[in-house]
C-alpha atoms as a PDB file:
ATOM      1  CA  MET A   1       3.503  -2.244  16.339  1.00  0.00           C
ATOM      2  CA  LYS A   2      -0.019  -1.012  16.158  1.00  0.00           C
ATOM      3  CA  SER A   3      -2.892  -2.939  17.792  1.00  0.00           C
ATOM      4  CA  THR A   4      -4.391  -5.404  15.532  1.00  0.00           C
ATOM      5  CA  PHE A   5      -7.145  -7.731  16.535  1.00  0.00           C
ATOM      6  CA  VAL A   6      -7.071 -10.999  14.557  1.00  0.00           C
ATOM      7  CA  PRO A   7      -9.471 -13.606  15.866  1.00  0.00           C
ATOM      8  CA  PRO A   8      -7.493 -16.781  16.631  1.00  0.00           C
ATOM      9  CA  LEU A   9      -9.418 -18.907  14.297  1.00  0.00           C
ATOM     10  CA  ALA A  10      -8.734 -16.343  11.402  1.00  0.00           C
ATOM     11  CA  ALA A  11      -5.139 -15.844  12.797  1.00  0.00           C
ATOM     12  CA  SER A  12      -4.456 -19.666  12.573  1.00  0.00           C
ATOM     13  CA  ALA A  13      -5.829 -20.057   9.077  1.00  0.00           C
ATOM     14  CA  LEU A  14      -3.890 -16.973   7.728  1.00  0.00           C
ATOM     15  CA  ALA A  15      -0.838 -18.200   9.519  1.00  0.00           C
ATOM     16  CA  ALA A  16      -1.180 -21.502   7.755  1.00  0.00           C
ATOM     17  CA  MET A  17      -1.111 -20.005   4.492  1.00  0.00           C
ATOM     18  CA  GLY A  18       1.931 -18.219   5.069  1.00  0.00           C
ATOM     19  CA  PHE A  19       0.542 -14.847   6.292  1.00  0.00           C
ATOM     20  CA  LEU A  20       2.329 -13.417   9.143  1.00  0.00           C
ATOM     21  CA  ILE A  21       0.038 -11.912  11.919  1.00  0.00           C
ATOM     22  CA  PRO A  22       1.144  -9.819  14.639  1.00  0.00           C
ATOM     23  CA  MET A  23       0.048 -11.739  17.859  1.00  0.00           C
ATOM     24  CA  ALA A  24       1.390  -9.222  20.131  1.00  0.00           C
ATOM     25  CA  TRP A  25      -1.591  -6.662  20.939  1.00  0.00           C
ATOM     26  CA  GLY A  26      -0.633  -3.460  22.410  1.00  0.00           C
ATOM     27  CA  GLN A  27       3.041  -3.488  21.627  1.00  0.00           C
ATOM     28  CA  SER A  28       4.447   0.259  20.934  1.00  0.00           C
ATOM     29  CA  ALA A  29       5.486   1.505  17.414  1.00  0.00           C
ATOM     30  CA  ALA A  30       8.845   0.428  16.531  1.00  0.00           C
ATOM     31  CA  ALA A  31      11.264   2.992  17.688  1.00  0.00           C
ATOM     32  CA  ALA A  32      14.150   2.149  15.595  1.00  0.00           C
ATOM     33  CA  PRO A  33      14.506   0.758  11.930  1.00  0.00           C
ATOM     34  CA  PRO A  34      15.291  -3.282  11.693  1.00  0.00           C
ATOM     35  CA  ALA A  35      18.872  -3.562  10.403  1.00  0.00           C
ATOM     36  CA  ILE A  36      17.399  -4.784   7.044  1.00  0.00           C
ATOM     37  CA  ASP A  37      15.835  -1.223   6.528  1.00  0.00           C
ATOM     38  CA  GLN A  38      19.349  -0.149   5.266  1.00  0.00           C
ATOM     39  CA  THR A  39      18.736  -2.263   2.444  1.00  0.00           C
ATOM     40  CA  CYS A  40      15.093  -0.953   1.708  1.00  0.00           C
ATOM     41  CA  ALA A  41      16.108   2.646   2.529  1.00  0.00           C
ATOM     42  CA  THR A  42      18.055   2.776  -0.448  1.00  0.00           C
ATOM     43  CA  CYS A  43      15.281   2.814  -3.002  1.00  0.00           C
ATOM     44  CA  HIS A  44      12.323   3.413  -0.547  1.00  0.00           C
ATOM     45  CA  GLY A  45      14.090   6.371   1.159  1.00  0.00           C
ATOM     46  CA  ALA A  46      14.706   7.288   4.505  1.00  0.00           C
ATOM     47  CA  LYS A  47      11.898   7.277   6.909  1.00  0.00           C
ATOM     48  CA  GLY A  48       9.871   5.396   4.005  1.00  0.00           C
ATOM     49  CA  VAL A  49       9.442   8.135   1.677  1.00  0.00           C
ATOM     50  CA  SER A  50      10.681   7.486  -1.829  1.00  0.00           C
ATOM     51  CA  SER A  51      12.483   9.759  -3.898  1.00  0.00           C
ATOM     52  CA  ILE A  52      12.867   7.654  -6.694  1.00  0.00           C
ATOM     53  CA  GLN A  53      10.426   7.459  -9.437  1.00  0.00           C
ATOM     54  CA  GLY A  54       8.452   4.297  -9.857  1.00  0.00           C
ATOM     55  CA  THR A  55       9.276   3.174  -6.236  1.00  0.00           C
ATOM     56  CA  PRO A  56       6.539   3.440  -3.840  1.00  0.00           C
ATOM     57  CA  SER A  57       6.953   5.362  -0.469  1.00  0.00           C
ATOM     58  CA  LEU A  58       6.163   2.727   2.442  1.00  0.00           C
ATOM     59  CA  ALA A  59       5.823   5.179   5.262  1.00  0.00           C
ATOM     60  CA  ALA A  60       2.461   4.700   7.174  1.00  0.00           C
ATOM     61  CA  GLN A  61       1.287   1.865   4.971  1.00  0.00           C
ATOM     62  CA  PRO A  62      -0.823  -0.407   7.222  1.00  0.00           C
ATOM     63  CA  ASP A  63       1.070  -3.259   8.591  1.00  0.00           C
ATOM     64  CA  ILE A  64      -0.643  -6.291   7.269  1.00  0.00           C
ATOM     65  CA  PHE A  65      -0.658  -4.544   3.894  1.00  0.00           C
ATOM     66  CA  ILE A  66       3.202  -4.545   4.177  1.00  0.00           C
ATOM     67  CA  GLN A  67       3.533  -8.031   5.250  1.00  0.00           C
ATOM     68  CA  TYR A  68       1.305  -9.164   2.487  1.00  0.00           C
ATOM     69  CA  GLN A  69       3.387  -7.504  -0.175  1.00  0.00           C
ATOM     70  CA  LEU A  70       6.686  -9.081   1.620  1.00  0.00           C
ATOM     71  CA  VAL A  71       5.222 -12.279   1.414  1.00  0.00           C
ATOM     72  CA  PHE A  72       4.400 -12.003  -2.150  1.00  0.00           C
ATOM     73  CA  MET A  73       8.228 -10.928  -2.585  1.00  0.00           C
ATOM     74  CA  ARG A  74       9.402 -13.535  -0.903  1.00  0.00           C
ATOM     75  CA  ASP A  75       7.352 -16.325  -2.693  1.00  0.00           C
ATOM     76  CA  GLY A  76       8.398 -14.853  -5.905  1.00  0.00           C
ATOM     77  CA  SER A  77       5.164 -13.448  -7.202  1.00  0.00           C
ATOM     78  CA  ARG A  78       6.542  -9.844  -6.726  1.00  0.00           C
ATOM     79  CA  ASP A  79      10.137  -8.693  -7.173  1.00  0.00           C
ATOM     80  CA  PRO A  80      12.374  -8.461  -5.624  1.00  0.00           C
ATOM     81  CA  GLY A  81      13.948 -10.002  -2.273  1.00  0.00           C
ATOM     82  CA  VAL A  82      14.054 -13.050  -0.367  1.00  0.00           C
ATOM     83  CA  MET A  83      13.353 -12.212   3.255  1.00  0.00           C
ATOM     84  CA  THR A  84      12.862 -14.095   6.548  1.00  0.00           C
ATOM     85  CA  ASP A  85       9.507 -13.964   8.542  1.00  0.00           C
ATOM     86  CA  ASP A  86      11.184 -11.884  11.117  1.00  0.00           C
ATOM     87  CA  ASN A  87      12.536  -9.325   8.356  1.00  0.00           C
ATOM     88  CA  ILE A  88       8.798  -9.110   7.009  1.00  0.00           C
ATOM     89  CA  ARG A  89       7.509  -8.622  10.924  1.00  0.00           C
ATOM     90  CA  ASP A  90      10.135  -6.039  11.672  1.00  0.00           C
ATOM     91  CA  LEU A  91       9.672  -4.019   8.286  1.00  0.00           C
ATOM     92  CA  ALA A  92       6.076  -4.075   8.464  1.00  0.00           C
ATOM     93  CA  ALA A  93       5.947  -2.809  12.065  1.00  0.00           C
ATOM     94  CA  TYR A  94       8.589  -0.141  11.516  1.00  0.00           C
ATOM     95  CA  TYR A  95       7.177   1.263   8.156  1.00  0.00           C
ATOM     96  CA  SER A  96       3.608   1.262   9.314  1.00  0.00           C
ATOM     97  CA  SER A  97       4.724   3.338  12.543  1.00  0.00           C
ATOM     98  CA  LEU A  98       6.075   6.151  10.496  1.00  0.00           C
ATOM     99  CA  PRO A  99       4.177   9.469   9.396  1.00  0.00           C
ATOM    100  CA  PRO A 100       2.804   9.588   5.906  1.00  0.00           C
ATOM    101  CA  PRO A 101       4.733  10.937   3.026  1.00  0.00           C
ATOM    102  CA  PRO A 102       3.396  14.533   2.109  1.00  0.00           C
ATOM    103  CA  ALA A 103       0.777  15.207  -0.182  1.00  0.00           C
ATOM    104  CA  ARG A 104       2.228  15.995  -3.853  1.00  0.00           C
ATOM    105  CA  ALA A 105       0.915  18.595  -6.188  1.00  0.00           C
ATOM    106  CA  ALA A 106      -1.842  17.635  -8.262  1.00  0.00           C
ATOM    107  CA  ALA A 107      -0.586  17.772 -11.641  1.00  0.00           C
ATOM    108  CA  GLY A 108      -2.995  18.979 -14.401  1.00  0.00           C
ATOM    109  CA  LEU A 109      -6.172  18.775 -12.262  1.00  0.00           C
ATOM    110  CA  ASP A 110      -8.796  21.491 -12.084  1.00  0.00           C
ATOM    111  CA  GLU A 111     -11.412  21.680  -9.607  1.00  0.00           C
ATOM    112  CA  ASP A 112     -13.842  20.220 -12.069  1.00  0.00           C
ATOM    113  CA  THR A 113     -11.888  17.437 -12.702  1.00  0.00           C
ATOM    114  CA  THR A 114     -10.940  16.720  -9.175  1.00  0.00           C
ATOM    115  CA  THR A 115     -14.681  16.780  -8.126  1.00  0.00           C
ATOM    116  CA  LYS A 116     -15.359  14.129 -11.102  1.00  0.00           C
ATOM    117  CA  ILE A 117     -12.570  11.874  -9.910  1.00  0.00           C
ATOM    118  CA  ALA A 118     -13.864  12.194  -6.387  1.00  0.00           C
ATOM    119  CA  ALA A 119     -17.357  11.046  -7.539  1.00  0.00           C
ATOM    120  CA  PHE A 120     -15.769   8.220  -9.610  1.00  0.00           C
ATOM    121  CA  LEU A 121     -13.767   6.629  -6.847  1.00  0.00           C
ATOM    122  CA  GLN A 122     -17.014   6.922  -4.766  1.00  0.00           C
ATOM    123  CA  GLN A 123     -18.935   5.058  -7.250  1.00  0.00           C
ATOM    124  CA  ARG A 124     -16.592   2.327  -7.542  1.00  0.00           C
ATOM    125  CA  HIS A 125     -16.360   2.137  -3.582  1.00  0.00           C
ATOM    126  CA  CYS A 126     -12.691   2.491  -3.310  1.00  0.00           C
ATOM    127  CA  ASN A 127     -13.260   3.938   0.069  1.00  0.00           C
ATOM    128  CA  SER A 128     -14.795   0.740   1.146  1.00  0.00           C
ATOM    129  CA  CYS A 129     -11.214  -0.742   1.269  1.00  0.00           C
ATOM    130  CA  HIS A 130      -8.831   2.233   1.019  1.00  0.00           C
ATOM    131  CA  LYS A 131     -11.008   4.173   3.572  1.00  0.00           C
ATOM    132  CA  GLU A 132     -12.614   7.975   2.926  1.00  0.00           C
ATOM    133  CA  ASP A 133      -9.155   9.599   3.042  1.00  0.00           C
ATOM    134  CA  PHE A 134      -7.227   6.786   1.200  1.00  0.00           C
ATOM    135  CA  SER A 135      -4.946   6.174   4.146  1.00  0.00           C
ATOM    136  CA  GLY A 136      -5.561   2.444   3.705  1.00  0.00           C
ATOM    137  CA  GLN A 137      -6.248  -0.270   6.363  1.00  0.00           C
ATOM    138  CA  GLY A 138      -5.646  -4.046   6.991  1.00  0.00           C
ATOM    139  CA  GLU A 139      -4.304  -5.335   3.873  1.00  0.00           C
ATOM    140  CA  THR A 140      -5.370  -2.330   1.735  1.00  0.00           C
ATOM    141  CA  GLY A 141      -2.480  -0.033   0.909  1.00  0.00           C
ATOM    142  CA  ARG A 142      -2.464   3.615   1.676  1.00  0.00           C
ATOM    143  CA  LEU A 143      -2.837   5.602  -1.635  1.00  0.00           C
ATOM    144  CA  ALA A 144      -2.859   9.065  -0.212  1.00  0.00           C
ATOM    145  CA  GLY A 145       0.530  10.839  -0.908  1.00  0.00           C
ATOM    146  CA  GLN A 146       1.787   7.900  -2.979  1.00  0.00           C
ATOM    147  CA  ARG A 147       4.114   8.615  -5.968  1.00  0.00           C
ATOM    148  CA  PRO A 148       1.636   9.110  -8.979  1.00  0.00           C
ATOM    149  CA  GLU A 149       3.593   7.168 -11.542  1.00  0.00           C
ATOM    150  CA  TYR A 150       3.744   4.298  -9.031  1.00  0.00           C
ATOM    151  CA  LEU A 151       0.007   4.278  -8.513  1.00  0.00           C
ATOM    152  CA  ALA A 152      -0.469   4.706 -12.310  1.00  0.00           C
ATOM    153  CA  LYS A 153       1.531   1.360 -12.872  1.00  0.00           C
ATOM    154  CA  ALA A 154      -0.346  -0.290  -9.998  1.00  0.00           C
ATOM    155  CA  LEU A 155      -3.564   0.371 -11.820  1.00  0.00           C
ATOM    156  CA  SER A 156      -2.500  -0.823 -14.927  1.00  0.00           C
ATOM    157  CA  ASP A 157      -1.087  -3.767 -13.627  1.00  0.00           C
ATOM    158  CA  PHE A 158      -4.325  -4.641 -11.822  1.00  0.00           C
ATOM    159  CA  ARG A 159      -6.269  -3.802 -15.023  1.00  0.00           C
ATOM    160  CA  ALA A 160      -4.081  -6.270 -17.140  1.00  0.00           C
ATOM    161  CA  GLY A 161      -4.301  -8.780 -14.374  1.00  0.00           C
ATOM    162  CA  LYS A 162      -0.470  -8.665 -13.807  1.00  0.00           C
ATOM    163  CA  ARG A 163      -0.680  -7.604 -10.164  1.00  0.00           C
ATOM    164  CA  ARG A 164      -1.374  -9.887  -7.159  1.00  0.00           C
ATOM    165  CA  GLY A 165      -3.432  -8.592  -4.186  1.00  0.00           C
ATOM    166  CA  ARG A 166      -5.764  -9.500  -1.756  1.00  0.00           C
ATOM    167  CA  GLY A 167      -8.308  -7.542  -3.491  1.00  0.00           C
ATOM    168  CA  MET A 168      -7.454  -9.046  -7.046  1.00  0.00           C
ATOM    169  CA  GLY A 169     -10.939  -9.431  -8.036  1.00  0.00           C
ATOM    170  CA  ALA A 170     -12.105  -6.219  -6.676  1.00  0.00           C
ATOM    171  CA  MET A 171      -9.112  -4.313  -8.445  1.00  0.00           C
ATOM    172  CA  MET A 172      -9.552  -6.062 -11.623  1.00  0.00           C
ATOM    173  CA  GLU A 173     -13.187  -4.997 -11.796  1.00  0.00           C
ATOM    174  CA  VAL A 174     -12.444  -1.516 -10.567  1.00  0.00           C
ATOM    175  CA  THR A 175      -9.844  -0.995 -13.092  1.00  0.00           C
ATOM    176  CA  GLY A 176     -11.025  -3.073 -15.958  1.00  0.00           C
ATOM    177  CA  ASN A 177     -12.381  -0.446 -18.082  1.00  0.00           C
ATOM    178  CA  LEU A 178     -10.200   2.438 -17.238  1.00  0.00           C
ATOM    179  CA  SER A 179      -8.526   4.223 -19.839  1.00  0.00           C
ATOM    180  CA  ASP A 180      -4.664   5.486 -19.635  1.00  0.00           C
ATOM    181  CA  GLN A 181      -5.849   8.769 -19.132  1.00  0.00           C
ATOM    182  CA  ASN A 182      -8.111   8.057 -16.519  1.00  0.00           C
ATOM    183  CA  ILE A 183      -5.577   6.272 -14.672  1.00  0.00           C
ATOM    184  CA  GLN A 184      -3.300   9.159 -14.968  1.00  0.00           C
ATOM    185  CA  LEU A 185      -5.641  11.406 -13.500  1.00  0.00           C
ATOM    186  CA  ILE A 186      -6.516   8.959 -10.531  1.00  0.00           C
ATOM    187  CA  ALA A 187      -2.945   8.669  -9.588  1.00  0.00           C
ATOM    188  CA  SER A 188      -2.259  12.514  -9.692  1.00  0.00           C
ATOM    189  CA  TYR A 189      -5.675  12.927  -7.687  1.00  0.00           C
ATOM    190  CA  LEU A 190      -4.529  10.192  -4.990  1.00  0.00           C
ATOM    191  CA  ALA A 191      -1.075  11.633  -4.817  1.00  0.00           C
ATOM    192  CA  ALA A 192      -2.212  14.909  -3.828  1.00  0.00           C
ATOM    193  CA  LYS A 193      -4.127  13.569  -0.963  1.00  0.00           C
ATOM    194  CA  PRO A 194      -2.654  14.440   2.438  1.00  0.00           C
END
């Protein structure tokens, strides 16, 4: 597990809300997948890189982000799955320790369009939460190298208020006036990021 500092008071508050914060600092990354990963790998792929359309890659997602998503699934606000707290911690530690998926070819993006998308994402402050390289941090997901159709669906779901996340208000604001075409272009751009 990567070293994560969570102030004790914040950790207590988050734990009271049902979020699982890694409390052991300085542990090494997971050496082997937890047993439950056999179920996850069927769709999310070996080493967390999905080859199934519409299914996200989990490799190199931030530990806390994965924990939030798994809690949302366990609590029924996202499908599928029923998981124990240990499953959630183990899977988050494992997937966050893996190398990221490779960048994908930027479908239909020329240099001018790529420059415009980068400027647009900068204006919307996407890098404030997802980092400059879109590798994610804390409870915000890694977007770089993600499957483009999955990114497009996630953006569309945030725009429609269907997707829950820690940054729901910010994501609804960012996506609120995006056209379907812009969502597709942004998804292709992010998928092509290393």
